[in-house]
N, C-alpha and C. Protein backbone atom coordinates (compact mmCIF):
# COMPACT_ATOMS: atom_id res chain seq x y z
N MET A 1 -11.03 20.49 -4.48
CA MET A 1 -9.71 20.05 -4.43
C MET A 1 -9.57 18.44 -4.73
N HIS A 2 -8.62 18.03 -5.40
CA HIS A 2 -8.44 16.77 -5.58
C HIS A 2 -7.80 15.91 -4.24
N PHE A 3 -8.26 14.62 -4.27
CA PHE A 3 -7.60 14.11 -3.30
C PHE A 3 -6.12 13.67 -3.38
N SER A 4 -5.76 13.71 -4.25
CA SER A 4 -4.15 13.75 -4.68
C SER A 4 -3.38 15.04 -4.12
N SER A 5 -4.23 16.17 -4.14
CA SER A 5 -3.44 17.36 -3.53
C SER A 5 -3.64 17.26 -2.04
N LEU A 6 -4.73 16.78 -1.47
CA LEU A 6 -4.64 16.50 -0.14
C LEU A 6 -3.48 15.53 0.22
N LEU A 7 -3.42 14.40 -0.28
CA LEU A 7 -2.36 13.50 0.01
C LEU A 7 -1.08 13.89 0.08
N LEU A 8 -0.82 14.79 -1.06
CA LEU A 8 0.62 15.27 -1.54
C LEU A 8 0.65 16.20 -0.44
N ALA A 9 0.04 17.32 0.11
CA ALA A 9 -0.04 18.07 1.09
C ALA A 9 0.39 17.36 2.47
N ALA A 10 -0.49 16.45 2.55
CA ALA A 10 -0.32 15.53 4.07
C ALA A 10 1.08 14.71 4.07
N LEU A 11 1.42 14.17 2.92
CA LEU A 11 2.80 13.59 2.83
C LEU A 11 4.01 14.63 2.91
N GLY A 12 3.63 15.79 2.33
CA GLY A 12 4.91 16.95 2.30
C GLY A 12 4.92 17.62 3.62
N ALA A 13 4.08 17.62 4.49
CA ALA A 13 3.81 18.28 5.85
C ALA A 13 4.93 17.76 6.86
N THR A 14 6.19 18.53 6.77
CA THR A 14 7.26 18.16 7.49
C THR A 14 7.45 19.19 8.46
N ALA A 15 7.33 20.01 8.55
CA ALA A 15 7.70 21.11 9.32
C ALA A 15 7.16 20.95 10.82
N ALA A 16 5.67 20.65 11.10
CA ALA A 16 5.54 20.39 12.06
C ALA A 16 5.45 19.15 12.76
N SER A 17 6.02 18.03 12.05
CA SER A 17 5.97 16.72 12.59
C SER A 17 7.21 16.51 13.29
N ALA A 18 7.26 15.47 14.15
CA ALA A 18 8.23 14.89 14.72
C ALA A 18 8.98 13.81 14.02
N GLN A 19 10.34 13.75 14.25
CA GLN A 19 11.04 12.81 13.52
C GLN A 19 10.34 11.32 13.59
N PRO A 20 10.24 10.53 12.61
CA PRO A 20 10.08 9.24 12.78
C PRO A 20 10.70 8.44 13.77
N THR A 21 10.09 7.39 14.44
CA THR A 21 10.57 6.42 15.29
C THR A 21 10.68 5.08 14.64
N ASN A 22 10.83 4.78 13.46
CA ASN A 22 10.87 3.50 12.84
C ASN A 22 11.95 2.91 13.04
N SER A 23 12.06 1.59 13.38
CA SER A 23 13.23 0.81 13.68
C SER A 23 13.55 0.16 12.62
N HIS A 24 12.54 0.11 11.47
CA HIS A 24 12.72 -0.61 10.02
C HIS A 24 13.08 0.19 9.10
N ALA A 25 13.88 1.35 9.29
CA ALA A 25 14.45 2.28 8.37
C ALA A 25 15.25 1.41 7.56
N SER A 26 15.31 2.07 6.08
CA SER A 26 16.26 1.57 5.07
C SER A 26 16.61 2.56 4.30
N PRO A 27 17.62 2.35 3.40
CA PRO A 27 17.96 3.13 2.70
C PRO A 27 17.01 3.67 1.46
N THR A 28 15.87 3.10 1.37
CA THR A 28 15.02 3.65 0.42
C THR A 28 14.12 4.38 1.49
N ARG A 29 13.25 5.50 0.62
CA ARG A 29 12.81 6.31 1.54
C ARG A 29 11.28 5.94 1.53
N ALA A 30 10.53 6.33 2.61
CA ALA A 30 9.19 6.03 2.71
C ALA A 30 8.13 6.71 1.74
N PHE A 31 7.16 6.24 1.50
CA PHE A 31 6.34 6.78 0.40
C PHE A 31 4.93 6.49 0.87
N GLY A 32 3.68 7.21 0.22
CA GLY A 32 2.46 6.81 -0.07
C GLY A 32 2.26 6.45 -1.47
N VAL A 33 1.04 5.81 -1.59
CA VAL A 33 0.72 5.35 -2.88
C VAL A 33 -0.58 5.96 -3.54
N ILE A 34 -0.76 6.44 -4.71
CA ILE A 34 -1.99 6.77 -5.09
C ILE A 34 -2.39 5.89 -6.49
N SER A 35 -3.55 5.54 -6.68
CA SER A 35 -3.80 4.87 -7.86
C SER A 35 -4.03 5.96 -9.03
N ILE A 36 -3.63 5.45 -10.22
CA ILE A 36 -3.73 6.45 -11.31
C ILE A 36 -4.45 5.51 -12.61
N LEU A 37 -5.71 5.96 -12.97
CA LEU A 37 -6.14 5.53 -14.22
C LEU A 37 -7.36 6.57 -14.55
N SER A 38 -6.86 7.32 -15.23
CA SER A 38 -7.27 8.57 -15.80
C SER A 38 -9.06 8.37 -16.20
N GLY A 39 -10.08 8.90 -15.85
CA GLY A 39 -11.59 8.85 -15.84
C GLY A 39 -12.17 7.45 -15.13
N SER A 40 -11.44 7.25 -14.27
CA SER A 40 -12.11 5.98 -13.67
C SER A 40 -12.36 6.59 -11.83
N GLN A 41 -13.18 5.78 -11.20
CA GLN A 41 -13.39 6.35 -9.90
C GLN A 41 -12.34 6.04 -8.97
N VAL A 42 -11.44 5.07 -9.25
CA VAL A 42 -10.09 4.80 -8.42
C VAL A 42 -9.19 5.74 -8.76
N HIS A 43 -9.24 6.58 -9.76
CA HIS A 43 -8.13 7.52 -10.09
C HIS A 43 -7.74 8.50 -8.76
N TYR A 44 -6.69 8.90 -8.41
CA TYR A 44 -6.26 9.55 -7.49
C TYR A 44 -6.61 8.86 -6.13
N ALA A 45 -7.02 7.72 -5.85
CA ALA A 45 -7.26 6.99 -4.41
C ALA A 45 -6.34 6.80 -3.90
N GLY A 46 -5.89 7.24 -2.51
CA GLY A 46 -4.75 6.67 -1.93
C GLY A 46 -4.76 5.21 -1.42
N PHE A 47 -3.70 4.60 -1.36
CA PHE A 47 -3.63 3.32 -0.69
C PHE A 47 -3.66 3.14 0.58
N ASN A 48 -4.39 2.21 1.17
CA ASN A 48 -4.72 2.06 2.60
C ASN A 48 -4.33 0.54 3.05
N ALA A 49 -4.09 0.38 4.13
CA ALA A 49 -3.98 -1.11 4.94
C ALA A 49 -4.81 -1.34 5.97
N ALA A 50 -5.71 -2.27 5.87
CA ALA A 50 -6.67 -2.90 6.78
C ALA A 50 -7.08 -4.39 6.57
N LYS A 51 -7.08 -4.92 7.63
CA LYS A 51 -7.62 -6.02 7.77
C LYS A 51 -6.63 -7.23 7.01
N GLU A 52 -5.24 -6.86 7.10
CA GLU A 52 -4.46 -7.76 6.41
C GLU A 52 -4.60 -7.66 4.79
N SER A 53 -5.04 -6.57 4.32
CA SER A 53 -5.16 -6.42 3.02
C SER A 53 -4.95 -4.95 2.50
N ILE A 54 -4.69 -4.86 1.37
CA ILE A 54 -4.44 -3.28 0.62
C ILE A 54 -5.42 -2.85 -0.27
N PHE A 55 -5.86 -1.39 0.23
CA PHE A 55 -7.27 -0.93 -0.54
C PHE A 55 -6.64 0.47 -1.15
N ALA A 56 -7.66 0.87 -1.99
CA ALA A 56 -7.50 2.22 -2.52
C ALA A 56 -8.95 2.99 -2.11
N GLY A 57 -8.61 4.31 -1.61
CA GLY A 57 -10.01 4.88 -0.96
C GLY A 57 -10.71 4.44 0.01
N LEU A 58 -10.04 3.89 0.85
CA LEU A 58 -10.86 3.11 1.94
C LEU A 58 -10.84 4.41 2.99
N PRO A 59 -12.22 4.84 3.56
CA PRO A 59 -12.18 6.08 4.09
C PRO A 59 -11.64 5.90 5.64
N ASN A 60 -11.71 4.72 6.28
CA ASN A 60 -11.13 4.65 7.53
C ASN A 60 -10.23 3.16 7.51
N GLN A 61 -8.99 3.31 7.73
CA GLN A 61 -8.02 2.04 7.87
C GLN A 61 -8.09 1.51 9.12
N ASP A 62 -8.67 2.04 10.25
CA ASP A 62 -8.57 1.68 11.48
C ASP A 62 -7.05 1.17 11.89
N ALA A 63 -6.16 2.20 11.50
CA ALA A 63 -4.96 1.72 12.17
C ALA A 63 -4.42 2.44 13.29
N GLN A 64 -3.40 2.25 13.98
CA GLN A 64 -3.08 2.93 15.30
C GLN A 64 -1.64 3.78 14.68
N CYS A 65 -1.76 4.88 14.58
CA CYS A 65 -0.86 5.85 13.70
C CYS A 65 -0.46 6.99 14.64
N GLU A 66 0.73 7.65 14.44
CA GLU A 66 1.14 8.72 14.97
C GLU A 66 0.42 9.88 14.67
N ARG A 67 0.13 10.07 13.43
CA ARG A 67 -0.99 11.13 13.09
C ARG A 67 -2.17 10.36 12.73
N PRO A 68 -3.04 10.11 13.54
CA PRO A 68 -4.52 9.31 13.23
C PRO A 68 -5.29 9.84 12.17
N ASP A 69 -5.31 11.16 12.00
CA ASP A 69 -5.93 12.06 10.75
C ASP A 69 -5.54 11.76 9.29
N GLU A 70 -4.53 11.09 9.17
CA GLU A 70 -4.12 10.77 7.78
C GLU A 70 -4.38 9.48 7.66
N GLN A 71 -5.49 9.08 6.65
CA GLN A 71 -6.06 7.72 6.31
C GLN A 71 -5.50 7.16 5.26
N PHE A 72 -4.14 7.20 5.05
CA PHE A 72 -3.24 6.36 4.11
C PHE A 72 -2.31 5.68 4.64
N ALA A 73 -2.02 4.52 3.85
CA ALA A 73 -0.77 3.77 4.28
C ALA A 73 0.69 4.52 3.92
N THR A 74 1.59 3.89 4.65
CA THR A 74 2.88 4.51 4.14
C THR A 74 3.77 3.23 4.34
N PHE A 75 4.75 3.26 3.15
CA PHE A 75 5.45 2.10 2.81
C PHE A 75 6.79 2.25 2.67
N TYR A 76 7.81 1.37 2.32
CA TYR A 76 8.98 1.48 2.12
C TYR A 76 9.47 0.14 1.32
N VAL A 77 10.30 0.19 0.70
CA VAL A 77 10.79 -1.03 -0.29
C VAL A 77 12.16 -1.32 0.24
N GLU A 78 12.43 -2.46 0.67
CA GLU A 78 14.03 -2.79 0.98
C GLU A 78 14.27 -4.36 0.44
N ASN A 79 15.18 -4.24 -0.47
CA ASN A 79 15.90 -5.54 -1.01
C ASN A 79 14.57 -6.17 -1.55
N GLY A 80 14.18 -5.57 -2.36
CA GLY A 80 12.78 -5.99 -3.12
C GLY A 80 11.63 -6.48 -2.22
N ALA A 81 11.79 -6.37 -0.96
CA ALA A 81 10.35 -6.76 -0.22
C ALA A 81 9.71 -5.19 0.07
N LEU A 82 8.30 -5.33 0.40
CA LEU A 82 7.64 -4.11 0.64
C LEU A 82 7.21 -4.36 2.18
N TYR A 83 7.40 -3.32 2.75
CA TYR A 83 7.02 -3.11 4.24
C TYR A 83 5.81 -1.79 4.54
N LEU A 84 4.99 -2.16 5.31
CA LEU A 84 4.45 -0.82 5.90
C LEU A 84 5.21 -0.19 6.86
N TYR A 85 5.15 1.21 7.03
CA TYR A 85 5.96 1.91 7.61
C TYR A 85 5.64 1.84 9.13
N THR A 86 6.07 1.27 10.02
CA THR A 86 5.58 1.04 11.51
C THR A 86 6.57 1.70 12.54
N PRO A 87 6.05 1.90 13.92
CA PRO A 87 6.58 2.46 14.85
C PRO A 87 7.95 1.77 15.28
N PHE A 88 8.88 2.44 15.84
CA PHE A 88 10.21 1.60 16.62
C PHE A 88 9.69 0.58 17.26
N SER A 89 8.58 0.82 18.25
CA SER A 89 8.29 -0.17 18.96
C SER A 89 7.38 -1.21 18.62
N ALA A 90 6.97 -1.21 17.51
CA ALA A 90 6.24 -2.16 16.90
C ALA A 90 6.85 -3.40 16.15
N GLU A 91 6.17 -4.55 15.69
CA GLU A 91 6.91 -5.24 15.15
C GLU A 91 6.62 -5.02 13.40
N SER A 92 7.43 -5.55 12.78
CA SER A 92 7.52 -5.03 11.10
C SER A 92 6.23 -5.73 10.61
N GLN A 93 5.71 -5.10 9.54
CA GLN A 93 4.63 -5.56 9.05
C GLN A 93 4.95 -5.63 7.47
N GLN A 94 5.09 -6.81 6.69
CA GLN A 94 5.71 -7.13 5.37
C GLN A 94 4.61 -7.51 4.45
N LEU A 95 4.56 -7.12 3.31
CA LEU A 95 3.55 -7.45 2.44
C LEU A 95 3.99 -8.59 1.72
N PHE A 96 3.12 -9.53 1.36
CA PHE A 96 3.16 -10.72 0.51
C PHE A 96 2.11 -10.77 -0.48
N VAL A 97 2.34 -11.68 -1.65
CA VAL A 97 1.68 -11.85 -2.60
C VAL A 97 1.41 -13.13 -2.99
N ASP A 98 0.15 -13.79 -3.22
CA ASP A 98 -0.04 -15.10 -3.60
C ASP A 98 -0.65 -15.04 -5.15
N ARG A 99 0.23 -15.57 -5.97
CA ARG A 99 -0.14 -15.28 -7.48
C ARG A 99 -0.41 -16.92 -7.75
N SER A 100 -0.77 -17.94 -6.86
CA SER A 100 -1.05 -19.32 -7.17
C SER A 100 -2.85 -19.14 -7.57
N GLY A 101 -3.11 -20.11 -8.24
CA GLY A 101 -4.53 -20.15 -8.44
C GLY A 101 -5.46 -20.08 -7.52
N MET A 102 -5.03 -20.40 -6.28
CA MET A 102 -5.98 -20.12 -5.17
C MET A 102 -6.02 -18.59 -4.82
N GLY A 103 -4.58 -18.28 -4.53
CA GLY A 103 -4.54 -16.59 -4.19
C GLY A 103 -4.91 -15.81 -5.27
N GLN A 104 -4.92 -15.90 -6.73
CA GLN A 104 -5.13 -15.43 -7.66
C GLN A 104 -4.47 -13.67 -7.81
N GLY A 105 -3.49 -13.70 -7.07
CA GLY A 105 -2.85 -12.28 -6.84
C GLY A 105 -3.02 -11.51 -5.56
N LYS A 106 -3.60 -12.12 -4.66
CA LYS A 106 -3.88 -11.72 -3.54
C LYS A 106 -2.85 -11.01 -2.78
N ILE A 107 -2.72 -9.67 -2.42
CA ILE A 107 -1.88 -8.93 -1.69
C ILE A 107 -2.39 -8.65 -0.35
N GLY A 108 -1.55 -9.22 0.72
CA GLY A 108 -1.94 -9.00 1.99
C GLY A 108 -0.48 -8.68 2.96
N TYR A 109 -0.70 -8.77 4.04
CA TYR A 109 0.79 -8.50 4.98
C TYR A 109 0.68 -9.32 6.11
N ILE A 110 1.82 -9.70 6.40
CA ILE A 110 1.96 -10.37 7.83
C ILE A 110 2.83 -9.51 8.91
N THR A 111 2.43 -9.80 10.23
CA THR A 111 3.17 -9.03 11.33
C THR A 111 4.19 -9.85 11.86
N GLY A 112 5.20 -9.20 12.32
CA GLY A 112 6.43 -9.74 13.08
C GLY A 112 6.87 -11.22 12.53
N ASN A 113 6.90 -12.29 13.13
CA ASN A 113 7.35 -13.58 12.91
C ASN A 113 6.29 -14.49 12.17
N GLU A 114 4.90 -13.90 12.14
CA GLU A 114 4.18 -14.74 11.56
C GLU A 114 4.46 -15.14 10.21
N ALA A 115 4.01 -16.65 10.01
CA ALA A 115 4.26 -17.17 8.78
C ALA A 115 3.43 -16.75 7.70
N PRO A 116 4.03 -16.50 6.56
CA PRO A 116 3.38 -16.22 5.27
C PRO A 116 2.20 -17.38 4.93
N PRO A 117 1.38 -17.06 3.98
CA PRO A 117 0.49 -18.11 3.55
C PRO A 117 1.29 -19.27 2.66
N ARG A 118 0.88 -20.12 2.37
CA ARG A 118 1.67 -21.42 1.88
C ARG A 118 2.31 -20.75 0.42
N TYR A 119 1.62 -20.40 -0.24
CA TYR A 119 2.32 -19.78 -1.80
C TYR A 119 2.70 -18.53 -1.85
N ALA A 120 2.59 -17.66 -0.79
CA ALA A 120 3.05 -16.36 -0.88
C ALA A 120 4.53 -16.01 -1.19
N GLU A 121 4.66 -14.97 -1.90
CA GLU A 121 5.92 -14.53 -2.40
C GLU A 121 6.06 -13.02 -1.44
N LEU A 122 7.07 -12.89 -1.00
CA LEU A 122 7.75 -11.92 -0.08
C LEU A 122 8.51 -10.71 -0.58
N ASP A 123 8.88 -11.03 -1.76
CA ASP A 123 9.76 -9.91 -2.55
C ASP A 123 9.41 -9.89 -4.10
N GLY A 124 9.90 -8.91 -4.89
CA GLY A 124 9.60 -8.63 -6.20
C GLY A 124 9.07 -7.31 -6.28
N TRP A 125 9.28 -6.69 -5.31
CA TRP A 125 8.80 -5.21 -5.44
C TRP A 125 9.87 -4.45 -5.97
N SER A 126 9.29 -3.15 -6.53
CA SER A 126 10.39 -2.29 -7.13
C SER A 126 9.42 -1.15 -7.58
N ILE A 127 10.26 0.01 -7.68
CA ILE A 127 9.54 1.24 -8.16
C ILE A 127 10.38 1.51 -9.55
N ASN A 128 9.57 1.76 -10.65
CA ASN A 128 10.13 1.89 -11.81
C ASN A 128 10.47 3.39 -12.20
N GLY A 129 10.94 3.77 -13.37
CA GLY A 129 11.57 4.94 -13.88
C GLY A 129 10.55 6.14 -13.57
N GLU A 130 9.02 5.46 -13.69
CA GLU A 130 8.10 6.53 -13.80
C GLU A 130 7.43 6.66 -12.31
N ASN A 131 8.22 6.18 -11.32
CA ASN A 131 7.71 6.34 -9.91
C ASN A 131 6.36 5.38 -9.63
N HIS A 132 6.33 4.37 -10.30
CA HIS A 132 5.15 3.14 -10.14
C HIS A 132 5.50 2.21 -9.36
N LEU A 133 4.97 1.85 -8.41
CA LEU A 133 5.16 0.88 -7.50
C LEU A 133 4.80 -0.53 -8.32
N GLN A 134 5.95 -1.43 -8.56
CA GLN A 134 5.19 -2.81 -9.21
C GLN A 134 5.84 -3.88 -8.71
N LEU A 135 5.09 -5.07 -9.11
CA LEU A 135 5.73 -6.18 -8.58
C LEU A 135 6.09 -7.03 -9.66
N PHE A 136 7.13 -7.57 -9.66
CA PHE A 136 7.92 -8.30 -10.78
C PHE A 136 7.69 -7.48 -12.13
N GLY A 137 7.89 -6.32 -12.03
CA GLY A 137 7.91 -5.37 -13.19
C GLY A 137 6.53 -5.04 -14.02
N GLU A 138 5.36 -5.38 -13.09
CA GLU A 138 4.03 -5.26 -13.64
C GLU A 138 3.30 -4.54 -12.73
N ASP A 139 2.33 -3.80 -13.39
CA ASP A 139 1.66 -2.79 -12.73
C ASP A 139 0.40 -3.67 -11.65
N LEU A 140 -0.47 -2.81 -11.11
CA LEU A 140 -1.54 -3.76 -9.99
C LEU A 140 -2.70 -3.57 -10.70
N VAL A 141 -3.70 -4.32 -10.02
CA VAL A 141 -4.95 -4.25 -10.42
C VAL A 141 -5.80 -3.84 -9.40
N ALA A 142 -6.99 -3.00 -9.36
CA ALA A 142 -8.06 -2.65 -8.68
C ALA A 142 -9.35 -3.08 -8.80
N CYS A 143 -9.96 -3.49 -7.71
CA CYS A 143 -11.38 -4.13 -7.81
C CYS A 143 -12.29 -3.51 -6.96
N PRO A 144 -13.67 -3.06 -7.59
CA PRO A 144 -14.66 -2.32 -6.76
C PRO A 144 -15.14 -3.23 -5.76
N GLY A 145 -16.16 -2.68 -5.02
CA GLY A 145 -16.65 -3.33 -4.02
C GLY A 145 -15.94 -3.87 -2.84
N GLY A 146 -14.77 -3.54 -2.49
CA GLY A 146 -14.13 -3.87 -1.27
C GLY A 146 -14.74 -3.39 -0.21
N ILE A 147 -14.28 -3.36 1.18
CA ILE A 147 -14.79 -2.87 2.57
C ILE A 147 -15.21 -1.36 2.42
N GLU A 148 -16.26 -0.75 2.96
CA GLU A 148 -16.56 0.61 2.99
C GLU A 148 -16.45 1.26 1.48
N ASN A 149 -17.01 0.52 0.54
CA ASN A 149 -16.87 0.95 -0.94
C ASN A 149 -15.28 1.20 -1.33
N ALA A 150 -14.19 0.60 -0.78
CA ALA A 150 -13.01 0.79 -1.10
C ALA A 150 -12.61 -0.29 -2.38
N TRP A 151 -11.50 0.18 -3.12
CA TRP A 151 -11.27 -0.74 -4.07
C TRP A 151 -10.14 -1.55 -3.44
N SER A 152 -10.21 -3.02 -3.59
CA SER A 152 -9.16 -3.90 -3.39
C SER A 152 -7.95 -3.88 -4.26
N ILE A 153 -6.78 -4.17 -3.89
CA ILE A 153 -5.54 -3.98 -4.55
C ILE A 153 -5.02 -5.56 -4.75
N TRP A 154 -4.78 -5.77 -6.00
CA TRP A 154 -4.32 -7.31 -6.42
C TRP A 154 -3.02 -7.19 -7.30
N ALA A 155 -2.34 -8.26 -7.16
CA ALA A 155 -1.30 -8.31 -8.41
C ALA A 155 -1.95 -8.50 -9.90
N SER A 156 -1.31 -8.32 -10.52
CA SER A 156 -1.79 -8.47 -12.08
C SER A 156 -1.78 -10.04 -12.51
N GLY A 157 -2.25 -10.43 -13.36
CA GLY A 157 -2.25 -11.93 -13.88
C GLY A 157 -3.47 -12.53 -13.95
N PHE A 158 -4.71 -11.96 -13.31
CA PHE A 158 -6.00 -12.40 -13.27
C PHE A 158 -6.82 -11.44 -13.44
N ALA A 159 -7.83 -11.56 -14.68
CA ALA A 159 -8.65 -10.20 -15.21
C ALA A 159 -9.74 -9.74 -14.08
N ASN A 160 -10.20 -10.73 -13.36
CA ASN A 160 -11.04 -10.38 -11.91
C ASN A 160 -10.68 -11.28 -10.87
N PRO A 161 -9.70 -11.01 -10.16
CA PRO A 161 -9.23 -11.97 -9.27
C PRO A 161 -10.19 -12.06 -7.92
N GLY A 162 -10.08 -13.16 -7.29
CA GLY A 162 -10.77 -13.42 -6.12
C GLY A 162 -12.39 -13.34 -6.37
N GLY A 163 -13.08 -13.53 -7.39
CA GLY A 163 -14.34 -13.59 -7.57
C GLY A 163 -14.85 -12.12 -7.85
N ASN A 164 -13.76 -11.40 -7.74
CA ASN A 164 -14.31 -9.80 -7.94
C ASN A 164 -14.64 -9.59 -9.57
N LYS A 165 -15.39 -8.22 -9.74
CA LYS A 165 -16.18 -8.14 -11.04
C LYS A 165 -15.54 -6.77 -11.38
N ASN A 166 -15.48 -6.37 -12.63
CA ASN A 166 -14.86 -4.77 -13.19
C ASN A 166 -13.71 -4.46 -12.68
N CYS A 167 -12.78 -5.22 -12.56
CA CYS A 167 -11.48 -5.04 -12.15
C CYS A 167 -10.74 -4.31 -13.09
N VAL A 168 -9.94 -3.24 -12.72
CA VAL A 168 -9.16 -2.53 -13.86
C VAL A 168 -7.59 -2.40 -13.29
N GLY A 169 -6.67 -2.45 -14.51
CA GLY A 169 -5.33 -2.18 -14.28
C GLY A 169 -5.10 -0.79 -13.74
N ILE A 170 -4.22 -0.63 -12.91
CA ILE A 170 -3.82 0.89 -12.47
C ILE A 170 -2.40 0.98 -12.50
N ALA A 171 -1.76 2.20 -12.50
CA ALA A 171 -0.27 2.48 -12.21
C ALA A 171 -0.57 2.80 -10.72
N ALA A 172 0.38 2.32 -9.76
CA ALA A 172 0.49 2.55 -8.47
C ALA A 172 1.64 3.68 -8.23
N ARG A 173 1.13 4.95 -8.25
CA ARG A 173 2.12 5.93 -8.21
C ARG A 173 2.54 6.46 -6.77
N VAL A 174 4.00 6.31 -6.77
CA VAL A 174 4.64 6.44 -5.64
C VAL A 174 4.81 7.97 -5.42
N GLU A 175 4.57 8.73 -3.89
CA GLU A 175 4.71 9.81 -3.45
C GLU A 175 5.34 9.87 -2.44
N TYR A 176 6.84 10.31 -2.52
CA TYR A 176 7.81 10.01 -1.39
C TYR A 176 7.44 10.94 -0.47
N THR A 177 7.76 10.90 1.02
CA THR A 177 7.86 11.74 1.98
C THR A 177 8.73 11.73 2.89
N ASP A 178 9.13 12.91 3.31
CA ASP A 178 10.41 13.15 4.38
C ASP A 178 9.68 12.97 5.94
N SER A 179 8.18 12.89 5.81
CA SER A 179 7.84 12.96 7.27
C SER A 179 6.62 11.70 7.37
N PRO A 180 7.32 10.43 7.14
CA PRO A 180 6.30 9.18 7.37
C PRO A 180 5.40 9.18 8.53
N ASN A 181 4.28 8.64 8.35
CA ASN A 181 3.33 8.48 9.31
C ASN A 181 3.58 6.98 9.72
N ALA A 182 4.20 6.83 10.83
CA ALA A 182 4.32 5.48 11.44
C ALA A 182 2.88 4.80 12.04
N CYS A 183 2.50 3.75 11.58
CA CYS A 183 1.34 2.90 12.05
C CYS A 183 1.59 1.37 12.16
N VAL A 184 0.54 1.12 12.96
CA VAL A 184 0.52 -0.36 13.20
C VAL A 184 -1.03 -0.64 12.60
N TYR A 185 -0.99 -1.51 11.51
CA TYR A 185 -2.21 -1.76 10.66
C TYR A 185 -3.01 -3.13 11.16
N SER A 186 -4.41 -2.99 11.21
CA SER A 186 -5.05 -4.39 11.46
C SER A 186 -4.92 -5.55 10.62
């Protein structure tokens, strides 16, 4: 069975799940993300959040989740900003991108009132007509060799950002869920 089938089954499992307790609800629906690049090792890898970074195919994201067996991140977009879906009692976790020469497209996240890095951008996220998560209308980049053999996820604009090698452009396919898994990510 493909990972995407498992991800879709987990995202769609609404009957047995409690209602989410997220205080950061928005008009936009919560979603998971899978990477799309046919014929590559990153194809159908679910997005994860760990160590203030975004990955694809990370086997253990070490998050504190309402449903801990689900090892993928849940997101939502609100007014062009991208957030991780967190429990009602937790501080929000917002994604940032540093597209400066030093950041080279680094995607990370901040918690609560934590200050973003110097050149970080906090908005520009959208979901296009093909259900691809994009930053300023551009797809994302995945680089092999991340923690636990996962792929690190970066904004486009640099062929091999952050000193990585063999990076590839991917489509970040949005898979909506009516039963989001609220987590606090490391």
